[in-house]
Amino acid sequence: MSISVSRIRHLSGFSCKFKTGFTLLEVLVSLVITGMVLAVFFQIMSSSLRLEHSAGKAVEEAVHMEQVFKTLLAGDVRDSDFQWEGEKDGNTWTLQIQEVDTEQTRAHSENTLHMRSELYRYIFEYQSRKGKTWTLVRYVQHEPDFFDEDFKRRHF
């Protein structure tokens, strides 16, 4: 006695027509998950573009500030017409000089370190038109008596 394959399928509860594909619920769930992933991706992209733009503006301001400071340092601060403060492109700046004490004494010794030069701190404060304040500090070494006493009295 021979039994055909179609008879076995019929007896076991399987029909000849197999269901293939996804259900509507599975498609909707996958679309929702894909939409959420895309929303997060575009939010991250938007944030990174804003951050890149603001960082570019900050770098641009820093470069501009550094150029102004270098221009000032290229001049001689002892000149009577030297600009100690000013404004450029809506940004304001001031320059100060402070004498740095370079004489050091060791705690366990009577020895004192004497240098044949003088060290000064140049403090450049720059305020952008947006209100952000930047401060640059440079240490500059000068020969002894580079600044006369009258200059020191007026500017230190």
C-alpha atoms as a PDB file:
ATOM      1  CA  MET A   1       0.000   0.000   0.000  1.00  0.00           C
ATOM      2  CA  SER A   2       1.423   3.295  -1.015  1.00  0.00           C
ATOM      3  CA  ILE A   3       0.497   6.660   0.450  1.00  0.00           C
ATOM      4  CA  SER A   4       1.142   9.784  -1.524  1.00  0.00           C
ATOM      5  CA  VAL A   5       2.947  12.841  -0.156  1.00  0.00           C
ATOM      6  CA  SER A   6      -0.135  15.020  -0.493  1.00  0.00           C
ATOM      7  CA  ARG A   7      -2.114  12.539   1.577  1.00  0.00           C
ATOM      8  CA  ILE A   8       0.532  12.659   4.337  1.00  0.00           C
ATOM      9  CA  ARG A   9       0.402  16.455   4.420  1.00  0.00           C
ATOM     10  CA  HIS A  10      -3.370  16.375   4.599  1.00  0.00           C
ATOM     11  CA  LEU A  11      -3.349  13.841   7.424  1.00  0.00           C
ATOM     12  CA  SER A  12      -0.723  15.688   9.452  1.00  0.00           C
ATOM     13  CA  GLY A  13      -2.575  19.036   9.295  1.00  0.00           C
ATOM     14  CA  PHE A  14      -0.303  20.740   6.742  1.00  0.00           C
ATOM     15  CA  SER A  15      -1.907  22.135   3.683  1.00  0.00           C
ATOM     16  CA  CYS A  16      -0.303  22.374   0.316  1.00  0.00           C
ATOM     17  CA  LYS A  17      -0.302  26.129   0.431  1.00  0.00           C
ATOM     18  CA  PHE A  18       2.594  27.411   2.583  1.00  0.00           C
ATOM     19  CA  LYS A  19       2.275  30.912   4.069  1.00  0.00           C
ATOM     20  CA  THR A  20       5.305  33.041   3.214  1.00  0.00           C
ATOM     21  CA  GLY A  21       6.219  36.669   4.105  1.00  0.00           C
ATOM     22  CA  PHE A  22       5.761  38.919   7.132  1.00  0.00           C
ATOM     23  CA  THR A  23       2.628  39.804   8.969  1.00  0.00           C
ATOM     24  CA  LEU A  24       1.411  43.395   9.055  1.00  0.00           C
ATOM     25  CA  LEU A  25       2.374  43.677  12.720  1.00  0.00           C
ATOM     26  CA  GLU A  26       5.975  42.607  12.018  1.00  0.00           C
ATOM     27  CA  VAL A  27       6.289  45.175   9.214  1.00  0.00           C
ATOM     28  CA  LEU A  28       4.896  47.958  11.419  1.00  0.00           C
ATOM     29  CA  VAL A  29       7.265  47.107  14.305  1.00  0.00           C
ATOM     30  CA  SER A  30      10.261  47.119  11.970  1.00  0.00           C
ATOM     31  CA  LEU A  31       9.185  50.498  10.525  1.00  0.00           C
ATOM     32  CA  VAL A  32       8.846  51.992  14.006  1.00  0.00           C
ATOM     33  CA  ILE A  33      12.293  50.722  15.038  1.00  0.00           C
ATOM     34  CA  THR A  34      13.850  52.010  11.792  1.00  0.00           C
ATOM     35  CA  GLY A  35      12.176  55.397  12.319  1.00  0.00           C
ATOM     36  CA  MET A  36      13.506  55.650  15.862  1.00  0.00           C
ATOM     37  CA  VAL A  37      17.039  54.785  14.750  1.00  0.00           C
ATOM     38  CA  LEU A  38      16.883  57.374  11.956  1.00  0.00           C
ATOM     39  CA  ALA A  39      15.543  60.039  14.349  1.00  0.00           C
ATOM     40  CA  VAL A  40      18.424  59.431  16.774  1.00  0.00           C
ATOM     41  CA  PHE A  41      20.932  59.468  13.914  1.00  0.00           C
ATOM     42  CA  PHE A  42      19.680  62.814  12.546  1.00  0.00           C
ATOM     43  CA  GLN A  43      19.576  64.320  16.041  1.00  0.00           C
ATOM     44  CA  ILE A  44      23.237  63.356  16.550  1.00  0.00           C
ATOM     45  CA  MET A  45      24.159  64.750  13.135  1.00  0.00           C
ATOM     46  CA  SER A  46      22.373  68.026  13.889  1.00  0.00           C
ATOM     47  CA  SER A  47      24.108  68.371  17.255  1.00  0.00           C
ATOM     48  CA  SER A  48      27.515  67.622  15.793  1.00  0.00           C
ATOM     49  CA  LEU A  49      27.038  70.225  13.060  1.00  0.00           C
ATOM     50  CA  ARG A  50      26.062  72.873  15.632  1.00  0.00           C
ATOM     51  CA  LEU A  51      29.065  71.942  17.769  1.00  0.00           C
ATOM     52  CA  GLU A  52      31.395  72.099  14.751  1.00  0.00           C
ATOM     53  CA  HIS A  53      30.043  75.539  13.849  1.00  0.00           C
ATOM     54  CA  SER A  54      30.495  76.961  17.353  1.00  0.00           C
ATOM     55  CA  ALA A  55      33.978  75.431  17.652  1.00  0.00           C
ATOM     56  CA  GLY A  56      34.929  77.000  14.328  1.00  0.00           C
ATOM     57  CA  LYS A  57      33.791  80.416  15.580  1.00  0.00           C
ATOM     58  CA  ALA A  58      35.785  79.979  18.809  1.00  0.00           C
ATOM     59  CA  VAL A  59      38.923  79.032  16.864  1.00  0.00           C
ATOM     60  CA  GLU A  60      38.411  82.011  14.572  1.00  0.00           C
ATOM     61  CA  GLU A  61      38.208  84.341  17.598  1.00  0.00           C
ATOM     62  CA  ALA A  62      41.274  82.749  19.176  1.00  0.00           C
ATOM     63  CA  VAL A  63      43.312  83.184  15.991  1.00  0.00           C
ATOM     64  CA  HIS A  64      42.213  86.811  15.694  1.00  0.00           C
ATOM     65  CA  MET A  65      43.129  87.437  19.336  1.00  0.00           C
ATOM     66  CA  GLU A  66      46.536  85.807  18.888  1.00  0.00           C
ATOM     67  CA  GLN A  67      47.234  87.991  15.835  1.00  0.00           C
ATOM     68  CA  VAL A  68      46.420  91.171  17.764  1.00  0.00           C
ATOM     69  CA  PHE A  69      48.650  90.050  20.644  1.00  0.00           C
ATOM     70  CA  LYS A  70      51.563  89.198  18.329  1.00  0.00           C
ATOM     71  CA  THR A  71      51.205  92.572  16.627  1.00  0.00           C
ATOM     72  CA  LEU A  72      51.439  94.293  20.012  1.00  0.00           C
ATOM     73  CA  LEU A  73      54.470  92.261  21.080  1.00  0.00           C
ATOM     74  CA  ALA A  74      56.217  93.110  17.817  1.00  0.00           C
ATOM     75  CA  GLY A  75      56.224  96.761  18.874  1.00  0.00           C
ATOM     76  CA  ASP A  76      58.311  98.325  21.622  1.00  0.00           C
ATOM     77  CA  VAL A  77      56.260  98.735  24.784  1.00  0.00           C
ATOM     78  CA  ARG A  78      58.608 101.494  25.933  1.00  0.00           C
ATOM     79  CA  ASP A  79      57.426 103.834  23.143  1.00  0.00           C
ATOM     80  CA  SER A  80      55.245 106.676  24.357  1.00  0.00           C
ATOM     81  CA  ASP A  81      52.622 105.997  21.663  1.00  0.00           C
ATOM     82  CA  PHE A  82      52.314 102.258  22.460  1.00  0.00           C
ATOM     83  CA  GLN A  83      48.656 101.173  22.687  1.00  0.00           C
ATOM     84  CA  TRP A  84      47.995  99.600  26.080  1.00  0.00           C
ATOM     85  CA  GLU A  85      44.326  99.152  25.282  1.00  0.00           C
ATOM     86  CA  GLY A  86      42.214  99.351  22.220  1.00  0.00           C
ATOM     87  CA  GLU A  87      39.430  98.059  20.058  1.00  0.00           C
ATOM     88  CA  LYS A  88      39.473  96.186  16.761  1.00  0.00           C
ATOM     89  CA  ASP A  89      36.439  94.905  14.858  1.00  0.00           C
ATOM     90  CA  GLY A  90      34.194  95.396  17.909  1.00  0.00           C
ATOM     91  CA  ASN A  91      36.546  93.455  20.184  1.00  0.00           C
ATOM     92  CA  THR A  92      38.308  95.217  23.069  1.00  0.00           C
ATOM     93  CA  TRP A  93      41.689  94.378  24.559  1.00  0.00           C
ATOM     94  CA  THR A  94      44.121  95.521  27.249  1.00  0.00           C
ATOM     95  CA  LEU A  95      47.767  94.708  27.863  1.00  0.00           C
ATOM     96  CA  GLN A  96      49.435  94.697  31.264  1.00  0.00           C
ATOM     97  CA  ILE A  97      52.998  93.947  32.277  1.00  0.00           C
ATOM     98  CA  GLN A  98      53.933  92.518  35.648  1.00  0.00           C
ATOM     99  CA  GLU A  99      57.408  92.045  37.000  1.00  0.00           C
ATOM    100  CA  VAL A 100      58.165  88.450  37.970  1.00  0.00           C
ATOM    101  CA  ASP A 101      60.354  87.830  40.989  1.00  0.00           C
ATOM    102  CA  THR A 102      63.135  85.552  39.755  1.00  0.00           C
ATOM    103  CA  GLU A 103      65.274  85.664  42.858  1.00  0.00           C
ATOM    104  CA  GLN A 104      64.948  82.394  44.722  1.00  0.00           C
ATOM    105  CA  THR A 105      66.535  81.268  47.960  1.00  0.00           C
ATOM    106  CA  ARG A 106      66.888  77.634  48.899  1.00  0.00           C
ATOM    107  CA  ALA A 107      65.242  76.762  52.196  1.00  0.00           C
ATOM    108  CA  HIS A 108      68.295  74.972  53.651  1.00  0.00           C
ATOM    109  CA  SER A 109      70.919  77.208  52.194  1.00  0.00           C
ATOM    110  CA  GLU A 110      72.041  80.803  52.222  1.00  0.00           C
ATOM    111  CA  ASN A 111      72.568  80.668  48.456  1.00  0.00           C
ATOM    112  CA  THR A 112      70.517  83.012  46.300  1.00  0.00           C
ATOM    113  CA  LEU A 113      70.012  82.542  42.586  1.00  0.00           C
ATOM    114  CA  HIS A 114      70.821  85.736  40.692  1.00  0.00           C
ATOM    115  CA  MET A 115      69.916  86.017  37.020  1.00  0.00           C
ATOM    116  CA  ARG A 116      71.520  88.411  34.573  1.00  0.00           C
ATOM    117  CA  SER A 117      68.134  89.213  33.071  1.00  0.00           C
ATOM    118  CA  GLU A 118      64.705  90.255  34.207  1.00  0.00           C
ATOM    119  CA  LEU A 119      61.510  88.316  33.638  1.00  0.00           C
ATOM    120  CA  TYR A 120      58.161  89.978  32.923  1.00  0.00           C
ATOM    121  CA  ARG A 121      54.644  88.622  32.578  1.00  0.00           C
ATOM    122  CA  TYR A 122      52.680  90.133  29.677  1.00  0.00           C
ATOM    123  CA  ILE A 123      48.937  89.723  30.299  1.00  0.00           C
ATOM    124  CA  PHE A 124      46.678  90.270  27.307  1.00  0.00           C
ATOM    125  CA  GLU A 125      42.940  90.377  28.026  1.00  0.00           C
ATOM    126  CA  TYR A 126      40.659  90.238  25.022  1.00  0.00           C
ATOM    127  CA  GLN A 127      36.893  90.572  25.090  1.00  0.00           C
ATOM    128  CA  SER A 128      34.974  89.564  22.004  1.00  0.00           C
ATOM    129  CA  ARG A 129      31.875  91.389  20.842  1.00  0.00           C
ATOM    130  CA  LYS A 130      29.854  88.408  22.077  1.00  0.00           C
ATOM    131  CA  GLY A 131      31.120  89.039  25.615  1.00  0.00           C
ATOM    132  CA  LYS A 132      33.556  86.115  25.922  1.00  0.00           C
ATOM    133  CA  THR A 133      36.778  87.106  27.689  1.00  0.00           C
ATOM    134  CA  TRP A 134      40.086  85.502  26.762  1.00  0.00           C
ATOM    135  CA  THR A 135      43.377  85.920  28.616  1.00  0.00           C
ATOM    136  CA  LEU A 136      46.792  85.208  27.135  1.00  0.00           C
ATOM    137  CA  VAL A 137      49.905  85.255  29.297  1.00  0.00           C
ATOM    138  CA  ARG A 138      53.446  85.340  27.940  1.00  0.00           C
ATOM    139  CA  TYR A 139      56.660  85.468  29.895  1.00  0.00           C
ATOM    140  CA  VAL A 140      59.289  87.663  28.300  1.00  0.00           C
ATOM    141  CA  GLN A 141      62.893  87.897  29.395  1.00  0.00           C
ATOM    142  CA  HIS A 142      64.642  91.266  29.059  1.00  0.00           C
ATOM    143  CA  GLU A 143      68.108  92.503  29.785  1.00  0.00           C
ATOM    144  CA  PRO A 144      68.585  94.230  33.144  1.00  0.00           C
ATOM    145  CA  ASP A 145      67.329  97.824  33.182  1.00  0.00           C
ATOM    146  CA  PHE A 146      65.343  97.291  29.971  1.00  0.00           C
ATOM    147  CA  PHE A 147      62.594  99.353  31.579  1.00  0.00           C
ATOM    148  CA  ASP A 148      63.632 102.555  33.327  1.00  0.00           C
ATOM    149  CA  GLU A 149      62.208 103.492  36.726  1.00  0.00           C
ATOM    150  CA  ASP A 150      59.804 106.068  35.263  1.00  0.00           C
ATOM    151  CA  PHE A 151      58.302 103.405  32.948  1.00  0.00           C
ATOM    152  CA  LYS A 152      57.975 100.952  35.837  1.00  0.00           C
ATOM    153  CA  ARG A 153      56.182 103.559  37.968  1.00  0.00           C
ATOM    154  CA  ARG A 154      53.654 104.303  35.188  1.00  0.00           C
ATOM    155  CA  HIS A 155      52.915 100.757  33.976  1.00  0.00           C
ATOM    156  CA  PHE A 156      53.635  98.256  36.754  1.00  0.00           C
END
